[in-house]
Protein backbone atom coordinates (compact mmCIF):
# COMPACT_ATOMS: atom_id res chain seq x y z
CA MET A 1 0.00 0.00 0.00
CA VAL A 2 1.34 3.44 -0.92
CA LEU A 3 0.68 6.78 0.74
CA THR A 4 -2.41 8.46 -0.72
CA ILE A 5 -3.04 12.19 -0.83
CA TYR A 6 -6.61 13.35 -1.27
CA GLY A 7 -7.45 16.50 -3.19
CA TYR A 8 -10.17 18.11 -5.29
CA VAL A 9 -9.39 17.64 -8.99
CA PRO A 10 -6.37 18.30 -11.23
CA ALA A 11 -6.51 21.20 -13.70
CA TRP A 12 -4.37 23.50 -15.88
CA GLY A 13 -1.41 21.11 -15.77
CA LEU A 14 -1.36 21.35 -11.98
CA PRO A 15 -1.92 18.39 -9.66
CA ASP A 16 -4.93 20.05 -8.03
CA ILE A 17 -7.10 23.18 -8.16
CA SER A 18 -6.13 23.87 -4.53
CA PRO A 19 -2.76 25.57 -3.96
CA TYR A 20 -2.48 23.75 -0.61
CA VAL A 21 -2.93 20.31 -2.15
CA THR A 22 -0.47 21.37 -4.85
CA LYS A 23 2.02 22.46 -2.19
CA ALA A 24 1.88 19.07 -0.45
CA VAL A 25 2.21 17.20 -3.76
CA PHE A 26 5.20 19.34 -4.77
CA PHE A 27 6.86 18.75 -1.40
CA MET A 28 6.58 15.00 -1.90
CA LYS A 29 7.98 15.26 -5.41
CA ILE A 30 10.90 17.39 -4.24
CA ALA A 31 11.58 14.97 -1.35
CA GLY A 32 11.27 11.88 -3.57
CA ILE A 33 8.33 10.38 -1.66
CA GLU A 34 6.21 7.84 -3.51
CA PHE A 35 2.50 8.64 -3.36
CA LYS A 36 -0.85 8.22 -5.08
CA TYR A 37 -3.24 11.10 -5.74
CA GLN A 38 -6.97 10.54 -5.22
CA PRO A 39 -9.83 13.00 -5.78
CA GLU A 40 -11.95 13.22 -2.62
CA ASN A 41 -15.65 12.46 -2.49
CA LEU A 42 -16.74 15.88 -1.26
CA ALA A 43 -19.97 14.47 0.14
CA GLU A 44 -17.80 12.56 2.63
CA LEU A 45 -15.16 15.23 3.21
CA ASP A 46 -16.28 16.22 6.71
CA THR A 47 -16.18 12.56 7.75
CA ASN A 48 -13.00 11.52 5.95
CA SER A 49 -10.72 14.50 6.54
CA PRO A 50 -9.34 15.29 10.02
CA TYR A 51 -10.25 18.98 9.56
CA GLY A 52 -12.99 18.72 6.94
CA LYS A 53 -10.56 20.28 4.46
CA LEU A 54 -8.13 19.24 1.76
CA PRO A 55 -5.49 18.00 1.51
CA TYR A 56 -5.22 15.06 3.82
CA ILE A 57 -3.15 11.92 3.49
CA VAL A 58 -3.57 8.29 4.45
CA ASP A 59 -0.17 6.70 5.00
CA ASP A 60 0.61 3.12 4.08
CA ASP A 61 -0.02 2.06 7.70
CA GLY A 62 -3.42 3.77 7.76
CA THR A 63 -2.29 6.91 9.60
CA LYS A 64 -4.40 9.88 8.55
CA VAL A 65 -3.02 13.44 8.61
CA GLY A 66 -4.72 16.68 7.55
CA ASP A 67 -3.47 20.19 6.69
CA SER A 68 -0.56 20.72 4.30
CA ASN A 69 1.75 22.01 7.03
CA GLU A 70 1.02 19.08 9.33
CA ILE A 71 1.44 16.67 6.42
CA ILE A 72 4.90 18.06 5.69
CA ARG A 73 5.94 17.88 9.35
CA TYR A 74 4.65 14.30 9.55
CA LEU A 75 6.55 13.27 6.41
CA GLU A 76 9.74 14.93 7.62
CA LYS A 77 9.53 12.92 10.83
CA THR A 78 8.47 9.55 9.42
CA ARG A 79 10.70 9.67 6.32
CA ASN A 80 13.67 11.30 8.05
CA ILE A 81 13.63 14.25 5.64
CA ASN A 82 15.12 17.65 6.39
CA LEU A 83 15.23 19.93 3.38
CA ASP A 84 16.07 22.83 5.70
CA GLU A 85 19.22 21.36 7.21
CA GLY A 86 21.90 24.02 7.60
CA LEU A 87 19.58 27.02 7.59
CA SER A 88 19.96 29.49 10.44
CA ASN A 89 17.07 30.38 12.71
CA ALA A 90 16.90 33.76 10.98
CA GLU A 91 16.67 32.12 7.55
CA LEU A 92 13.98 29.73 8.79
CA ALA A 93 12.05 32.69 10.19
CA VAL A 94 12.18 34.52 6.87
CA ASN A 95 10.98 31.42 5.02
CA LEU A 96 8.13 30.96 7.49
CA SER A 97 7.12 34.59 7.03
CA PHE A 98 6.93 34.22 3.26
CA GLU A 99 4.98 30.96 3.57
CA ARG A 100 2.48 32.63 5.90
CA MET A 101 2.20 35.64 3.60
CA LEU A 102 1.40 33.42 0.63
CA ALA A 103 -0.97 31.13 2.52
CA GLU A 104 -2.85 33.69 4.57
CA PHE A 105 -2.72 36.86 2.46
CA THR A 106 -1.65 36.48 -1.16
CA TYR A 107 -3.97 33.48 -1.51
CA TRP A 108 -6.93 35.81 -1.07
CA THR A 109 -5.67 38.41 -3.53
CA GLY A 110 -4.28 36.07 -6.19
CA VAL A 111 -6.67 33.11 -6.02
CA ILE A 112 -9.96 34.08 -4.39
CA GLN A 113 -10.27 37.45 -6.14
CA PRO A 114 -9.94 36.13 -9.71
CA ARG A 115 -11.67 32.76 -9.25
CA TRP A 116 -14.45 33.42 -6.78
CA ARG A 117 -15.14 37.16 -6.51
CA GLU A 118 -15.11 38.20 -10.14
CA ASP A 119 -18.16 36.97 -12.05
CA ALA A 120 -16.27 36.15 -15.24
CA GLY A 121 -13.66 34.23 -13.26
CA TRP A 122 -16.34 32.26 -11.48
CA GLU A 123 -17.98 31.26 -14.76
CA THR A 124 -14.56 30.16 -16.02
CA TYR A 125 -13.99 28.13 -12.86
CA ILE A 126 -17.24 26.16 -12.83
CA PRO A 127 -16.39 23.68 -15.65
CA TYR A 128 -13.18 22.71 -13.86
CA ILE A 129 -15.00 22.19 -10.58
CA VAL A 130 -17.71 19.97 -12.07
CA GLN A 131 -15.28 18.10 -14.37
CA GLY A 132 -17.60 17.86 -17.35
CA ALA A 133 -20.80 17.19 -15.46
CA GLU A 134 -23.97 18.84 -16.68
CA VAL A 135 -24.65 21.98 -14.66
CA THR A 136 -28.31 21.39 -13.84
CA PRO A 137 -30.30 24.07 -11.98
CA PRO A 138 -29.94 22.26 -8.62
CA LEU A 139 -26.17 21.88 -9.17
CA ARG A 140 -25.87 25.53 -10.17
CA GLU A 141 -27.73 26.53 -7.03
CA ALA A 142 -25.37 24.44 -4.91
CA LEU A 143 -22.31 25.90 -6.65
CA ASP A 144 -23.49 29.47 -6.18
CA ALA A 145 -24.27 28.76 -2.53
CA PHE A 146 -20.74 27.46 -2.04
CA ARG A 147 -19.40 30.55 -3.80
CA GLU A 148 -21.28 32.73 -1.33
CA ARG A 149 -19.71 30.75 1.51
CA ILE A 150 -16.23 31.43 0.14
CA LEU A 151 -16.99 35.10 -0.45
CA SER A 152 -18.30 35.40 3.10
CA GLN A 153 -14.91 34.17 4.30
CA PHE A 154 -13.27 36.63 1.89
CA VAL A 155 -15.19 39.50 3.47
CA GLY A 156 -14.43 38.13 6.92
CA THR A 157 -10.70 38.45 6.31
CA GLY A 158 -11.23 42.10 5.42
CA MET A 159 -9.82 41.57 1.94
CA GLY A 160 -13.24 41.17 0.38
CA ARG A 161 -14.23 44.60 1.67
CA ARG A 162 -11.59 46.25 -0.48
CA PRO A 163 -12.19 47.38 -4.07
CA ALA A 164 -10.63 45.35 -6.87
CA LYS A 165 -7.89 47.91 -7.57
CA THR A 166 -6.76 47.82 -3.94
CA VAL A 167 -6.71 44.01 -3.96
CA LEU A 168 -4.62 44.15 -7.13
CA ALA A 169 -2.14 46.57 -5.54
CA LEU A 170 -1.73 44.31 -2.51
CA TYR A 171 -1.20 41.30 -4.75
CA GLN A 172 1.44 43.13 -6.75
CA GLU A 173 3.26 44.21 -3.57
CA ASP A 174 3.51 40.56 -2.49
CA ILE A 175 4.78 39.43 -5.89
CA ASP A 176 7.33 42.27 -5.80
CA ALA A 177 8.50 41.10 -2.37
CA ILE A 178 8.94 37.53 -3.61
CA SER A 179 10.86 38.74 -6.65
CA PHE A 180 13.07 41.07 -4.60
CA TYR A 181 13.93 38.34 -2.10
CA LEU A 182 14.59 35.67 -4.73
CA ALA A 183 16.86 38.08 -6.60
CA ASP A 184 19.32 35.96 -8.62
CA LYS A 185 19.31 32.92 -6.32
CA LYS A 186 18.72 29.49 -7.83
CA TYR A 187 16.09 28.60 -5.23
CA PHE A 188 14.13 30.77 -2.85
CA SER A 189 16.65 30.40 0.00
CA GLY A 190 19.84 29.99 -1.96
CA ASP A 191 21.59 27.25 -3.88
CA LYS A 192 19.61 24.34 -2.35
CA VAL A 193 15.93 23.56 -2.65
CA ARG A 194 14.14 23.99 0.69
CA THR A 195 10.71 23.30 2.17
CA VAL A 196 9.61 26.86 1.39
CA ASP A 197 10.08 26.19 -2.33
CA ALA A 198 7.10 23.81 -2.30
CA MET A 199 4.84 26.69 -1.23
CA VAL A 200 6.44 29.42 -3.34
CA TYR A 201 6.44 27.29 -6.49
CA ALA A 202 2.90 26.01 -5.91
CA MET A 203 1.44 29.47 -5.39
CA LEU A 204 3.31 31.04 -8.30
CA ARG A 205 2.18 28.23 -10.59
CA HIS A 206 -1.43 28.81 -9.55
CA PHE A 207 -1.16 32.55 -10.16
CA VAL A 208 0.37 31.95 -13.60
CA ASP A 209 -1.53 28.88 -14.80
CA GLN A 210 -5.09 29.59 -13.65
CA PRO A 211 -7.25 30.43 -16.70
CA GLN A 212 -9.13 33.29 -15.07
CA LYS A 213 -8.21 36.61 -16.65
CA TRP A 214 -8.08 39.54 -14.24
CA LEU A 215 -6.09 42.70 -13.58
CA GLY A 216 -3.26 40.68 -12.05
CA THR A 217 -2.85 38.34 -15.01
CA GLY A 218 0.72 38.46 -16.33
CA TYR A 219 2.24 40.23 -13.33
CA VAL A 220 4.30 37.24 -12.15
CA GLU A 221 5.54 36.73 -15.69
CA SER A 222 6.67 40.37 -15.81
CA LYS A 223 9.42 39.43 -13.33
CA GLN A 224 12.18 37.70 -15.27
CA ASN A 225 13.70 36.10 -12.20
CA LEU A 226 10.34 34.56 -11.26
CA LYS A 227 9.93 33.21 -14.80
CA ASN A 228 13.41 31.69 -14.59
CA TYR A 229 12.65 30.19 -11.16
CA LEU A 230 9.46 28.55 -12.45
CA GLU A 231 11.30 27.13 -15.45
CA ARG A 232 14.10 25.71 -13.25
CA MET A 233 11.71 24.09 -10.78
CA ARG A 234 9.57 22.62 -13.55
CA ALA A 235 12.59 21.18 -15.38
CA GLU A 236 14.39 19.82 -12.31
CA PHE A 237 11.44 18.19 -10.56
CA ASP A 238 9.15 17.50 -13.52
CA MET A 239 6.23 19.30 -11.94
């Protein structure tokens, strides 16, 4: 039996429509961990997943772990992996800060804004969510209700209360910060791939590869060092 990671659905050449599932998958690829990907039955998500969210994994011994950060910590411990060996506490702190920025802030500006808030982006998103299923009136009602749930969370963070141009400016500031810090380094922290690269690469790929067209489209690609970073990661780890 091989470790199984549960996600939503693949799309756009990415392993999953969720950046957090993508992050966990990329970590396992970088670390050389064998795994199987399985789309989750969303009707059973609250029962199957430790936190009612994706991703979660079921290890080959039946151990179940939820949350991408907890999954990575679990795999580091059980597989004796330490991609961050040799980093100073200060370097680890910087990496953690960028991970938190991407997960808790840039996610809302660069993923939720174009996919869920903007009407055109939402219409673009629906076919990928339903994976070819007919969008009947009851299904459309359920999809729109789920959209409202996400947008309620968006407003709850405070980001959804801001106008689109302000959200765009905040997104661009974060991308600038990532580009400035990466500078001419091979990987985000230097000449070795680190845990943080799973998150940085996953998020940047989602920003670049998602089909929704919005004011932020093309901004990552306007940074030559980010384009080079994406090309290196894709070529080296085949992801």
